[in-house]
């Protein structure tokens, strides 16, 4: 029975650890911020499964509800609303932030290697069950450590998260120097630009006029009745084909043929 449990734990570890590593690599290597956030959500979900598999259901639920369900979804909504483009990352709003990011990343890697090495080289672990027996459960043990031994670190992390949220808002904020143009102003600018304001005709159809009662001409020179609205055709308000336009089409065909 114990061998079956160990085999199941091994399978869960390797599957979740592989997916978490894949999500971490996708987070770093993705070019778009939305894709990075989704990869991060994949990593967090697999970490939650590992917590539950190691008899820490409270940490697993907190990982899913707080970080994956609240924090990451908040990041996604902010990215979608603000509309951060990949080209925005090429512009440094704060001088030296790339160098500082590289140094802090290297320092974090050194701390992680040092922490894992200390855990592996130290005394043999007593196990999670024995650790939970000291305080009467996993939740009680986490509460005691947070509000006694790691109280300063916990409060510093809280302040860091608030500072990071405020910094993200400041960096994503775009100062507007002029009023947003209204729909009327946009419409007038579109017609006064000198370009064709509507949709251009499909390939193979020659639009002779912007008026809706003027039929377009097909490549063979015949008018296209489908280019005129049905009510105008029913009332007989379709303009006749001008022979000058027919001559112009013939000349264009001759030029294209030569």
C-alpha atoms as a PDB file:
ATOM      1  CA  UNK A   1       0.000   0.000   0.000  1.00  0.00           C
ATOM      2  CA  UNK A   2       2.825   2.347   0.849  1.00  0.00           C
ATOM      3  CA  UNK A   3       4.511   1.607  -2.457  1.00  0.00           C
ATOM      4  CA  UNK A   4       1.324   2.596  -4.300  1.00  0.00           C
ATOM      5  CA  UNK A   5       1.150   5.853  -2.359  1.00  0.00           C
ATOM      6  CA  UNK A   6       4.798   6.594  -3.054  1.00  0.00           C
ATOM      7  CA  UNK A   7       4.292   5.847  -6.746  1.00  0.00           C
ATOM      8  CA  UNK A   8       1.285   8.173  -6.884  1.00  0.00           C
ATOM      9  CA  UNK A   9       3.170  10.948  -5.101  1.00  0.00           C
ATOM     10  CA  UNK A  10       6.069  10.521  -7.489  1.00  0.00           C
ATOM     11  CA  UNK A  11       3.811  10.779 -10.530  1.00  0.00           C
ATOM     12  CA  UNK A  12       2.048  13.866  -9.137  1.00  0.00           C
ATOM     13  CA  UNK A  13       5.373  15.508  -8.324  1.00  0.00           C
ATOM     14  CA  UNK A  14       6.956  14.983 -11.720  1.00  0.00           C
ATOM     15  CA  UNK A  15       3.837  15.995 -13.668  1.00  0.00           C
ATOM     16  CA  UNK A  16       3.136  19.121 -11.607  1.00  0.00           C
ATOM     17  CA  UNK A  17       6.802  20.049 -11.312  1.00  0.00           C
ATOM     18  CA  UNK A  18       7.235  19.749 -15.073  1.00  0.00           C
ATOM     19  CA  UNK A  19       4.178  21.873 -15.791  1.00  0.00           C
ATOM     20  CA  UNK A  20       5.253  24.455 -13.189  1.00  0.00           C
ATOM     21  CA  UNK A  21       8.707  24.672 -14.771  1.00  0.00           C
ATOM     22  CA  UNK A  22       7.151  24.960 -18.226  1.00  0.00           C
ATOM     23  CA  UNK A  23       4.933  27.790 -16.997  1.00  0.00           C
ATOM     24  CA  UNK A  24       7.918  29.580 -15.444  1.00  0.00           C
ATOM     25  CA  UNK A  25       9.863  29.354 -18.712  1.00  0.00           C
ATOM     26  CA  UNK A  26       6.838  30.605 -20.655  1.00  0.00           C
ATOM     27  CA  UNK A  27       6.533  33.512 -18.207  1.00  0.00           C
ATOM     28  CA  UNK A  28      10.107  34.604 -18.892  1.00  0.00           C
ATOM     29  CA  UNK A  29      10.246  33.898 -22.625  1.00  0.00           C
ATOM     30  CA  UNK A  30       6.813  35.214 -23.733  1.00  0.00           C
ATOM     31  CA  UNK A  31       6.832  38.458 -25.680  1.00  0.00           C
ATOM     32  CA  UNK A  32       3.323  39.520 -24.670  1.00  0.00           C
ATOM     33  CA  UNK A  33       2.375  40.434 -21.118  1.00  0.00           C
ATOM     34  CA  UNK A  34      -0.982  38.624 -21.295  1.00  0.00           C
ATOM     35  CA  UNK A  35       0.713  35.386 -22.310  1.00  0.00           C
ATOM     36  CA  UNK A  36       3.195  35.766 -19.449  1.00  0.00           C
ATOM     37  CA  UNK A  37       0.338  36.182 -16.976  1.00  0.00           C
ATOM     38  CA  UNK A  38      -1.361  33.028 -18.268  1.00  0.00           C
ATOM     39  CA  UNK A  39       1.868  31.048 -17.972  1.00  0.00           C
ATOM     40  CA  UNK A  40       2.233  32.347 -14.424  1.00  0.00           C
ATOM     41  CA  UNK A  41      -1.288  31.148 -13.616  1.00  0.00           C
ATOM     42  CA  UNK A  42      -0.317  27.672 -14.858  1.00  0.00           C
ATOM     43  CA  UNK A  43       2.687  27.658 -12.530  1.00  0.00           C
ATOM     44  CA  UNK A  44       0.607  28.756  -9.537  1.00  0.00           C
ATOM     45  CA  UNK A  45      -2.047  26.090 -10.113  1.00  0.00           C
ATOM     46  CA  UNK A  46       0.551  23.330 -10.221  1.00  0.00           C
ATOM     47  CA  UNK A  47       2.206  24.671  -7.070  1.00  0.00           C
ATOM     48  CA  UNK A  48      -1.180  24.504  -5.349  1.00  0.00           C
ATOM     49  CA  UNK A  49      -1.520  20.850  -6.341  1.00  0.00           C
ATOM     50  CA  UNK A  50       1.937  20.149  -4.900  1.00  0.00           C
ATOM     51  CA  UNK A  51       0.947  21.829  -1.622  1.00  0.00           C
ATOM     52  CA  UNK A  52      -2.161  19.664  -1.348  1.00  0.00           C
ATOM     53  CA  UNK A  53      -0.168  16.534  -2.200  1.00  0.00           C
ATOM     54  CA  UNK A  54       2.236  17.355   0.658  1.00  0.00           C
ATOM     55  CA  UNK A  55      -0.621  17.487   3.214  1.00  0.00           C
ATOM     56  CA  UNK A  56      -0.805  21.284   3.212  1.00  0.00           C
ATOM     57  CA  UNK A  57      -4.372  21.927   1.977  1.00  0.00           C
ATOM     58  CA  UNK A  58      -4.533  25.404   3.512  1.00  0.00           C
ATOM     59  CA  UNK A  59      -1.560  26.615   1.468  1.00  0.00           C
ATOM     60  CA  UNK A  60      -3.023  24.976  -1.640  1.00  0.00           C
ATOM     61  CA  UNK A  61      -6.379  26.716  -1.240  1.00  0.00           C
ATOM     62  CA  UNK A  62      -4.701  30.063  -0.521  1.00  0.00           C
ATOM     63  CA  UNK A  63      -2.545  29.598  -3.617  1.00  0.00           C
ATOM     64  CA  UNK A  64      -5.608  29.040  -5.816  1.00  0.00           C
ATOM     65  CA  UNK A  65      -8.036  31.522  -4.237  1.00  0.00           C
ATOM     66  CA  UNK A  66      -5.720  34.427  -3.438  1.00  0.00           C
ATOM     67  CA  UNK A  67      -2.911  34.318  -5.976  1.00  0.00           C
ATOM     68  CA  UNK A  68      -4.306  32.479  -8.988  1.00  0.00           C
ATOM     69  CA  UNK A  69      -7.926  33.530  -8.592  1.00  0.00           C
ATOM     70  CA  UNK A  70      -7.483  37.106  -7.360  1.00  0.00           C
ATOM     71  CA  UNK A  71      -4.010  38.512  -7.990  1.00  0.00           C
ATOM     72  CA  UNK A  72      -3.375  36.981 -11.418  1.00  0.00           C
ATOM     73  CA  UNK A  73      -6.890  37.727 -12.663  1.00  0.00           C
ATOM     74  CA  UNK A  74      -6.404  41.317 -11.485  1.00  0.00           C
ATOM     75  CA  UNK A  75      -3.182  41.500 -13.492  1.00  0.00           C
ATOM     76  CA  UNK A  76      -4.983  40.162 -16.576  1.00  0.00           C
ATOM     77  CA  UNK A  77      -7.794  42.697 -16.284  1.00  0.00           C
ATOM     78  CA  UNK A  78      -5.279  45.529 -15.843  1.00  0.00           C
ATOM     79  CA  UNK A  79      -3.311  44.404 -18.894  1.00  0.00           C
ATOM     80  CA  UNK A  80      -6.459  44.152 -20.994  1.00  0.00           C
ATOM     81  CA  UNK A  81      -7.761  47.552 -19.905  1.00  0.00           C
ATOM     82  CA  UNK A  82      -4.453  49.403 -20.162  1.00  0.00           C
ATOM     83  CA  UNK A  83      -3.454  47.639 -23.373  1.00  0.00           C
ATOM     84  CA  UNK A  84       0.270  47.194 -22.787  1.00  0.00           C
ATOM     85  CA  UNK A  85       1.968  46.430 -26.074  1.00  0.00           C
ATOM     86  CA  UNK A  86       5.171  44.464 -26.596  1.00  0.00           C
ATOM     87  CA  UNK A  87       6.837  47.623 -27.888  1.00  0.00           C
ATOM     88  CA  UNK A  88       6.224  49.343 -24.539  1.00  0.00           C
ATOM     89  CA  UNK A  89       8.816  47.119 -22.880  1.00  0.00           C
ATOM     90  CA  UNK A  90      11.504  48.573 -25.159  1.00  0.00           C
ATOM     91  CA  UNK A  91      11.070  52.010 -23.625  1.00  0.00           C
ATOM     92  CA  UNK A  92      12.617  52.521 -20.168  1.00  0.00           C
ATOM     93  CA  UNK A  93      10.406  54.844 -18.172  1.00  0.00           C
ATOM     94  CA  UNK A  94      12.934  54.664 -15.310  1.00  0.00           C
ATOM     95  CA  UNK A  95      16.631  54.828 -16.149  1.00  0.00           C
ATOM     96  CA  UNK A  96      18.606  51.792 -15.112  1.00  0.00           C
ATOM     97  CA  UNK A  97      15.600  49.571 -14.391  1.00  0.00           C
ATOM     98  CA  UNK A  98      16.840  46.795 -16.687  1.00  0.00           C
ATOM     99  CA  UNK A  99      20.219  46.588 -14.963  1.00  0.00           C
ATOM    100  CA  UNK A 100      18.539  46.656 -11.557  1.00  0.00           C
ATOM    101  CA  UNK A 101      16.160  43.881 -12.649  1.00  0.00           C
ATOM    102  CA  UNK A 102      19.048  41.686 -13.808  1.00  0.00           C
ATOM    103  CA  UNK A 103      20.962  42.201 -10.545  1.00  0.00           C
ATOM    104  CA  UNK A 104      17.904  41.498  -8.398  1.00  0.00           C
ATOM    105  CA  UNK A 105      17.139  38.373 -10.434  1.00  0.00           C
ATOM    106  CA  UNK A 106      20.674  37.078  -9.945  1.00  0.00           C
ATOM    107  CA  UNK A 107      20.471  37.843  -6.217  1.00  0.00           C
ATOM    108  CA  UNK A 108      17.181  35.937  -5.970  1.00  0.00           C
ATOM    109  CA  UNK A 109      18.751  32.963  -7.756  1.00  0.00           C
ATOM    110  CA  UNK A 110      21.678  32.957  -5.331  1.00  0.00           C
ATOM    111  CA  UNK A 111      19.302  33.064  -2.347  1.00  0.00           C
ATOM    112  CA  UNK A 112      17.252  30.185  -3.728  1.00  0.00           C
ATOM    113  CA  UNK A 113      20.338  28.034  -4.323  1.00  0.00           C
ATOM    114  CA  UNK A 114      21.647  28.875  -0.855  1.00  0.00           C
ATOM    115  CA  UNK A 115      18.298  28.065   0.787  1.00  0.00           C
ATOM    116  CA  UNK A 116      17.870  24.754  -1.021  1.00  0.00           C
ATOM    117  CA  UNK A 117      21.481  23.793  -0.317  1.00  0.00           C
ATOM    118  CA  UNK A 118      21.090  24.574   3.378  1.00  0.00           C
ATOM    119  CA  UNK A 119      17.926  22.488   3.566  1.00  0.00           C
ATOM    120  CA  UNK A 120      19.541  19.513   1.840  1.00  0.00           C
ATOM    121  CA  UNK A 121      22.827  19.690   3.764  1.00  0.00           C
ATOM    122  CA  UNK A 122      21.251  20.140   7.215  1.00  0.00           C
ATOM    123  CA  UNK A 123      19.608  17.734   9.589  1.00  0.00           C
ATOM    124  CA  UNK A 124      17.219  15.174   8.151  1.00  0.00           C
ATOM    125  CA  UNK A 125      13.677  16.605   8.025  1.00  0.00           C
ATOM    126  CA  UNK A 126      11.248  15.428  10.679  1.00  0.00           C
ATOM    127  CA  UNK A 127       8.304  15.334   8.290  1.00  0.00           C
ATOM    128  CA  UNK A 128       5.161  17.383   7.911  1.00  0.00           C
ATOM    129  CA  UNK A 129       3.050  15.284  10.268  1.00  0.00           C
ATOM    130  CA  UNK A 130       5.473  15.731  13.156  1.00  0.00           C
ATOM    131  CA  UNK A 131       5.756  19.469  12.426  1.00  0.00           C
ATOM    132  CA  UNK A 132       1.969  19.839  12.489  1.00  0.00           C
ATOM    133  CA  UNK A 133       1.730  17.999  15.803  1.00  0.00           C
ATOM    134  CA  UNK A 134       3.678  20.785  17.536  1.00  0.00           C
ATOM    135  CA  UNK A 135       0.962  23.390  17.016  1.00  0.00           C
ATOM    136  CA  UNK A 136      -1.985  21.085  16.485  1.00  0.00           C
ATOM    137  CA  UNK A 137      -2.321  21.483  12.732  1.00  0.00           C
ATOM    138  CA  UNK A 138      -0.993  23.028   9.564  1.00  0.00           C
ATOM    139  CA  UNK A 139      -3.013  26.241   9.815  1.00  0.00           C
ATOM    140  CA  UNK A 140      -2.053  26.815  13.459  1.00  0.00           C
ATOM    141  CA  UNK A 141       1.622  26.261  12.661  1.00  0.00           C
ATOM    142  CA  UNK A 142       1.548  28.734   9.772  1.00  0.00           C
ATOM    143  CA  UNK A 143      -0.225  31.325  11.946  1.00  0.00           C
ATOM    144  CA  UNK A 144       2.306  30.965  14.758  1.00  0.00           C
ATOM    145  CA  UNK A 145       5.274  31.355  12.395  1.00  0.00           C
ATOM    146  CA  UNK A 146       3.756  34.335  10.554  1.00  0.00           C
ATOM    147  CA  UNK A 147       2.866  36.315  13.671  1.00  0.00           C
ATOM    148  CA  UNK A 148       5.943  35.432  15.756  1.00  0.00           C
ATOM    149  CA  UNK A 149       9.149  34.450  13.988  1.00  0.00           C
ATOM    150  CA  UNK A 150       8.411  36.017  10.596  1.00  0.00           C
ATOM    151  CA  UNK A 151       6.223  38.967  11.610  1.00  0.00           C
ATOM    152  CA  UNK A 152       8.632  41.626  10.279  1.00  0.00           C
ATOM    153  CA  UNK A 153       9.139  39.766   6.997  1.00  0.00           C
ATOM    154  CA  UNK A 154       5.373  39.303   6.617  1.00  0.00           C
ATOM    155  CA  UNK A 155       4.661  43.008   7.120  1.00  0.00           C
ATOM    156  CA  UNK A 156       7.535  43.979   4.820  1.00  0.00           C
ATOM    157  CA  UNK A 157       6.092  41.698   2.124  1.00  0.00           C
ATOM    158  CA  UNK A 158       2.679  43.332   2.541  1.00  0.00           C
ATOM    159  CA  UNK A 159       4.199  46.791   2.143  1.00  0.00           C
ATOM    160  CA  UNK A 160       6.156  45.559  -0.892  1.00  0.00           C
ATOM    161  CA  UNK A 161       2.995  44.277  -2.573  1.00  0.00           C
ATOM    162  CA  UNK A 162       1.205  47.578  -1.998  1.00  0.00           C
ATOM    163  CA  UNK A 163       4.220  49.491  -3.321  1.00  0.00           C
ATOM    164  CA  UNK A 164       4.368  47.234  -6.393  1.00  0.00           C
ATOM    165  CA  UNK A 165       0.667  47.799  -7.090  1.00  0.00           C
ATOM    166  CA  UNK A 166       1.069  51.571  -6.835  1.00  0.00           C
ATOM    167  CA  UNK A 167       4.173  51.465  -9.022  1.00  0.00           C
ATOM    168  CA  UNK A 168       2.322  49.461 -11.691  1.00  0.00           C
ATOM    169  CA  UNK A 169      -0.460  52.042 -11.699  1.00  0.00           C
ATOM    170  CA  UNK A 170       2.042  54.895 -12.071  1.00  0.00           C
ATOM    171  CA  UNK A 171       3.961  53.179 -14.877  1.00  0.00           C
ATOM    172  CA  UNK A 172       0.808  52.197 -16.770  1.00  0.00           C
ATOM    173  CA  UNK A 173      -0.760  55.662 -16.449  1.00  0.00           C
ATOM    174  CA  UNK A 174      -0.677  57.721 -19.624  1.00  0.00           C
ATOM    175  CA  UNK A 175      -1.022  61.438 -19.181  1.00  0.00           C
ATOM    176  CA  UNK A 176      -3.565  62.960 -21.557  1.00  0.00           C
ATOM    177  CA  UNK A 177      -2.535  66.450 -22.714  1.00  0.00           C
ATOM    178  CA  UNK A 178      -5.647  67.115 -24.801  1.00  0.00           C
ATOM    179  CA  UNK A 179      -9.318  66.269 -24.546  1.00  0.00           C
ATOM    180  CA  UNK A 180     -10.494  63.030 -26.101  1.00  0.00           C
ATOM    181  CA  UNK A 181     -11.991  63.752 -29.585  1.00  0.00           C
ATOM    182  CA  UNK A 182     -15.724  63.271 -29.831  1.00  0.00           C
ATOM    183  CA  UNK A 183     -17.526  61.133 -32.405  1.00  0.00           C
ATOM    184  CA  UNK A 184     -18.539  64.258 -34.338  1.00  0.00           C
ATOM    185  CA  UNK A 185     -14.943  65.474 -34.543  1.00  0.00           C
ATOM    186  CA  UNK A 186     -13.708  62.058 -35.667  1.00  0.00           C
ATOM    187  CA  UNK A 187     -16.402  61.899 -38.377  1.00  0.00           C
ATOM    188  CA  UNK A 188     -15.562  65.378 -39.710  1.00  0.00           C
ATOM    189  CA  UNK A 189     -11.839  64.631 -39.728  1.00  0.00           C
ATOM    190  CA  UNK A 190     -12.488  61.437 -41.653  1.00  0.00           C
ATOM    191  CA  UNK A 191     -14.415  63.198 -44.427  1.00  0.00           C
ATOM    192  CA  UNK A 192     -12.066  66.214 -44.558  1.00  0.00           C
ATOM    193  CA  UNK A 193      -8.947  64.068 -44.887  1.00  0.00           C
ATOM    194  CA  UNK A 194      -9.400  63.788 -48.675  1.00  0.00           C
ATOM    195  CA  UNK A 195      -9.387  59.989 -48.637  1.00  0.00           C
ATOM    196  CA  UNK A 196     -12.285  57.676 -49.451  1.00  0.00           C
ATOM    197  CA  UNK A 197     -14.459  57.731 -46.295  1.00  0.00           C
ATOM    198  CA  UNK A 198     -16.316  54.477 -46.923  1.00  0.00           C
ATOM    199  CA  UNK A 199     -15.383  50.931 -47.752  1.00  0.00           C
ATOM    200  CA  UNK A 200     -13.540  50.507 -51.002  1.00  0.00           C
ATOM    201  CA  UNK A 201     -15.174  48.406 -53.735  1.00  0.00           C
ATOM    202  CA  UNK A 202     -14.375  44.729 -53.999  1.00  0.00           C
ATOM    203  CA  UNK A 203     -11.803  43.538 -56.560  1.00  0.00           C
ATOM    204  CA  UNK A 204     -13.210  43.424 -60.092  1.00  0.00           C
ATOM    205  CA  UNK A 205     -15.854  46.157 -59.517  1.00  0.00           C
ATOM    206  CA  UNK A 206     -15.457  49.750 -60.685  1.00  0.00           C
ATOM    207  CA  UNK A 207     -17.244  52.246 -58.404  1.00  0.00           C
ATOM    208  CA  UNK A 208     -18.129  55.290 -60.508  1.00  0.00           C
ATOM    209  CA  UNK A 209     -19.483  57.505 -57.720  1.00  0.00           C
ATOM    210  CA  UNK A 210     -20.001  57.744 -53.974  1.00  0.00           C
ATOM    211  CA  UNK A 211     -23.780  58.101 -54.426  1.00  0.00           C
ATOM    212  CA  UNK A 212     -25.812  55.024 -53.539  1.00  0.00           C
ATOM    213  CA  UNK A 213     -28.012  55.329 -56.640  1.00  0.00           C
ATOM    214  CA  UNK A 214     -25.054  54.978 -59.034  1.00  0.00           C
ATOM    215  CA  UNK A 215     -24.428  51.333 -59.921  1.00  0.00           C
ATOM    216  CA  UNK A 216     -20.931  49.952 -60.084  1.00  0.00           C
ATOM    217  CA  UNK A 217     -19.599  48.450 -63.279  1.00  0.00           C
ATOM    218  CA  UNK A 218     -18.424  44.877 -63.646  1.00  0.00           C
ATOM    219  CA  UNK A 219     -15.217  44.055 -65.538  1.00  0.00           C
ATOM    220  CA  UNK A 220     -17.199  43.563 -68.762  1.00  0.00           C
ATOM    221  CA  UNK A 221     -18.732  47.056 -68.465  1.00  0.00           C
ATOM    222  CA  UNK A 222     -22.247  46.041 -67.454  1.00  0.00           C
ATOM    223  CA  UNK A 223     -23.782  47.661 -64.354  1.00  0.00           C
ATOM    224  CA  UNK A 224     -24.057  45.619 -61.169  1.00  0.00           C
ATOM    225  CA  UNK A 225     -27.596  45.860 -59.802  1.00  0.00           C
ATOM    226  CA  UNK A 226     -26.495  44.361 -56.489  1.00  0.00           C
ATOM    227  CA  UNK A 227     -24.417  47.508 -55.830  1.00  0.00           C
ATOM    228  CA  UNK A 228     -27.601  49.592 -55.551  1.00  0.00           C
ATOM    229  CA  UNK A 229     -29.982  49.241 -52.557  1.00  0.00           C
ATOM    230  CA  UNK A 230     -33.181  47.316 -53.287  1.00  0.00           C
ATOM    231  CA  UNK A 231     -35.573  50.218 -52.431  1.00  0.00           C
ATOM    232  CA  UNK A 232     -33.927  52.429 -55.061  1.00  0.00           C
ATOM    233  CA  UNK A 233     -34.200  49.682 -57.656  1.00  0.00           C
ATOM    234  CA  UNK A 234     -37.866  49.160 -56.822  1.00  0.00           C
ATOM    235  CA  UNK A 235     -38.628  52.880 -57.266  1.00  0.00           C
ATOM    236  CA  UNK A 236     -36.611  53.120 -60.465  1.00  0.00           C
ATOM    237  CA  UNK A 237     -34.218  55.696 -59.012  1.00  0.00           C
ATOM    238  CA  UNK A 238     -31.074  54.043 -60.368  1.00  0.00           C
ATOM    239  CA  UNK A 239     -28.937  56.385 -62.440  1.00  0.00           C
ATOM    240  CA  UNK A 240     -28.259  55.266 -66.020  1.00  0.00           C
ATOM    241  CA  UNK A 241     -24.785  54.279 -67.083  1.00  0.00           C
ATOM    242  CA  UNK A 242     -22.796  57.172 -68.531  1.00  0.00           C
ATOM    243  CA  UNK A 243     -21.099  56.392 -71.836  1.00  0.00           C
ATOM    244  CA  UNK A 244     -18.131  58.494 -70.771  1.00  0.00           C
ATOM    245  CA  UNK A 245     -17.528  56.043 -67.953  1.00  0.00           C
ATOM    246  CA  UNK A 246     -17.773  53.144 -70.376  1.00  0.00           C
ATOM    247  CA  UNK A 247     -15.172  54.797 -72.595  1.00  0.00           C
ATOM    248  CA  UNK A 248     -12.923  55.368 -69.593  1.00  0.00           C
ATOM    249  CA  UNK A 249     -13.149  51.723 -68.630  1.00  0.00           C
ATOM    250  CA  UNK A 250     -12.278  50.632 -72.148  1.00  0.00           C
ATOM    251  CA  UNK A 251      -9.230  52.900 -72.158  1.00  0.00           C
ATOM    252  CA  UNK A 252      -8.102  51.517 -68.785  1.00  0.00           C
ATOM    253  CA  UNK A 253      -8.462  47.957 -70.081  1.00  0.00           C
ATOM    254  CA  UNK A 254      -6.409  48.825 -73.161  1.00  0.00           C
ATOM    255  CA  UNK A 255      -3.646  50.320 -70.999  1.00  0.00           C
ATOM    256  CA  UNK A 256      -3.607  47.283 -68.727  1.00  0.00           C
ATOM    257  CA  UNK A 257      -3.489  44.956 -71.711  1.00  0.00           C
ATOM    258  CA  UNK A 258      -0.474  46.738 -73.178  1.00  0.00           C
END
